[in-house]
Amino acid sequence: MSPSYYESLVENYSDLLTVDDLRKVLGNIGKNKAYELLKSNAIQHVRIGRKYKIPKKAVVDYLILIDSKG
């Protein structure tokens, strides 16, 4: 799929997504899986205290990466 498709998945979210936003964008994945992706640095993020902030670009980059792996 084209990068513009993945960008369209996050266009209605703020520039920094929350874990709940990430879960929705990735097809309602479980909370544990979302935290696993963040803790393994599969998706770049910033942690502020106990909160994770995930840039839209990081989510798009992740989706492109997993799509390219087939």
C-alpha atoms as a PDB file:
ATOM      1  CA  MET A   1       0.000   0.000   0.000  1.00  0.00           C
ATOM      2  CA  SER A   2       1.115   3.546  -0.522  1.00  0.00           C
ATOM      3  CA  PRO A   3       2.367   5.759   2.318  1.00  0.00           C
ATOM      4  CA  SER A   4      -0.584   8.085   1.718  1.00  0.00           C
ATOM      5  CA  TYR A   5      -2.940   5.247   2.683  1.00  0.00           C
ATOM      6  CA  TYR A   6      -1.200   4.867   6.036  1.00  0.00           C
ATOM      7  CA  GLU A   7      -1.128   8.622   6.540  1.00  0.00           C
ATOM      8  CA  SER A   8      -4.900   8.674   6.004  1.00  0.00           C
ATOM      9  CA  LEU A   9      -5.316   6.230   8.903  1.00  0.00           C
ATOM     10  CA  VAL A  10      -3.912   8.767  11.362  1.00  0.00           C
ATOM     11  CA  GLU A  11      -5.056  12.056   9.794  1.00  0.00           C
ATOM     12  CA  ASN A  12      -7.916  12.551  12.272  1.00  0.00           C
ATOM     13  CA  TYR A  13      -5.651  12.201  15.311  1.00  0.00           C
ATOM     14  CA  SER A  14      -3.516  14.860  16.982  1.00  0.00           C
ATOM     15  CA  ASP A  15       0.204  14.961  16.133  1.00  0.00           C
ATOM     16  CA  LEU A  16       0.989  12.844  19.203  1.00  0.00           C
ATOM     17  CA  LEU A  17      -1.067   9.692  19.690  1.00  0.00           C
ATOM     18  CA  THR A  18      -1.845   7.998  22.972  1.00  0.00           C
ATOM     19  CA  VAL A  19      -1.646   4.258  23.546  1.00  0.00           C
ATOM     20  CA  ASP A  20      -5.430   4.032  23.075  1.00  0.00           C
ATOM     21  CA  ASP A  21      -5.130   5.913  19.765  1.00  0.00           C
ATOM     22  CA  LEU A  22      -2.374   3.537  18.678  1.00  0.00           C
ATOM     23  CA  ARG A  23      -4.550   0.546  19.521  1.00  0.00           C
ATOM     24  CA  LYS A  24      -7.378   1.904  17.348  1.00  0.00           C
ATOM     25  CA  VAL A  25      -5.121   2.708  14.390  1.00  0.00           C
ATOM     26  CA  LEU A  26      -3.592  -0.775  14.488  1.00  0.00           C
ATOM     27  CA  GLY A  27      -6.982  -2.465  14.336  1.00  0.00           C
ATOM     28  CA  ASN A  28      -8.002  -2.636  17.988  1.00  0.00           C
ATOM     29  CA  ILE A  29      -4.945  -4.549  19.121  1.00  0.00           C
ATOM     30  CA  GLY A  30      -4.760  -5.429  22.788  1.00  0.00           C
ATOM     31  CA  LYS A  31      -3.281  -3.105  25.367  1.00  0.00           C
ATOM     32  CA  ASN A  32      -0.480  -5.578  26.164  1.00  0.00           C
ATOM     33  CA  LYS A  33       0.504  -5.815  22.484  1.00  0.00           C
ATOM     34  CA  ALA A  34       0.546  -2.020  22.166  1.00  0.00           C
ATOM     35  CA  TYR A  35       2.858  -1.652  25.173  1.00  0.00           C
ATOM     36  CA  GLU A  36       5.026  -4.493  23.839  1.00  0.00           C
ATOM     37  CA  LEU A  37       5.498  -2.624  20.547  1.00  0.00           C
ATOM     38  CA  LEU A  38       6.497   0.501  22.436  1.00  0.00           C
ATOM     39  CA  LYS A  39       8.789  -1.162  24.951  1.00  0.00           C
ATOM     40  CA  SER A  40      10.609  -3.060  22.179  1.00  0.00           C
ATOM     41  CA  ASN A  41      11.029   0.240  20.291  1.00  0.00           C
ATOM     42  CA  ALA A  42       9.255  -1.193  17.257  1.00  0.00           C
ATOM     43  CA  ILE A  43       7.395   2.134  17.249  1.00  0.00           C
ATOM     44  CA  GLN A  44       9.346   5.235  18.190  1.00  0.00           C
ATOM     45  CA  HIS A  45       7.836   7.200  21.037  1.00  0.00           C
ATOM     46  CA  VAL A  46       8.489   9.570  23.892  1.00  0.00           C
ATOM     47  CA  ARG A  47       7.715   8.604  27.444  1.00  0.00           C
ATOM     48  CA  ILE A  48       6.738  11.394  29.799  1.00  0.00           C
ATOM     49  CA  GLY A  49       6.378   9.999  33.286  1.00  0.00           C
ATOM     50  CA  ARG A  50       4.005   7.085  32.901  1.00  0.00           C
ATOM     51  CA  LYS A  51       2.488   8.333  29.637  1.00  0.00           C
ATOM     52  CA  TYR A  52       3.572   7.402  26.138  1.00  0.00           C
ATOM     53  CA  LYS A  53       3.345   9.925  23.304  1.00  0.00           C
ATOM     54  CA  ILE A  54       3.637   8.472  19.825  1.00  0.00           C
ATOM     55  CA  PRO A  55       4.244  10.719  16.801  1.00  0.00           C
ATOM     56  CA  LYS A  56       1.989  10.082  13.818  1.00  0.00           C
ATOM     57  CA  LYS A  57       5.050   9.650  11.612  1.00  0.00           C
ATOM     58  CA  ALA A  58       6.320   6.833  13.842  1.00  0.00           C
ATOM     59  CA  VAL A  59       3.050   4.940  13.398  1.00  0.00           C
ATOM     60  CA  VAL A  60       3.070   5.477   9.619  1.00  0.00           C
ATOM     61  CA  ASP A  61       6.716   4.351   9.448  1.00  0.00           C
ATOM     62  CA  TYR A  62       5.866   1.221  11.438  1.00  0.00           C
ATOM     63  CA  LEU A  63       2.926   0.368   9.171  1.00  0.00           C
ATOM     64  CA  ILE A  64       5.078   0.813   6.058  1.00  0.00           C
ATOM     65  CA  LEU A  65       7.784  -1.374   7.583  1.00  0.00           C
ATOM     66  CA  ILE A  66       5.466  -4.264   8.455  1.00  0.00           C
ATOM     67  CA  ASP A  67       3.763  -3.988   5.067  1.00  0.00           C
ATOM     68  CA  SER A  68       7.110  -4.232   3.271  1.00  0.00           C
ATOM     69  CA  LYS A  69       7.930  -7.419   5.197  1.00  0.00           C
ATOM     70  CA  GLY A  70       4.851  -8.975   3.672  1.00  0.00           C
END
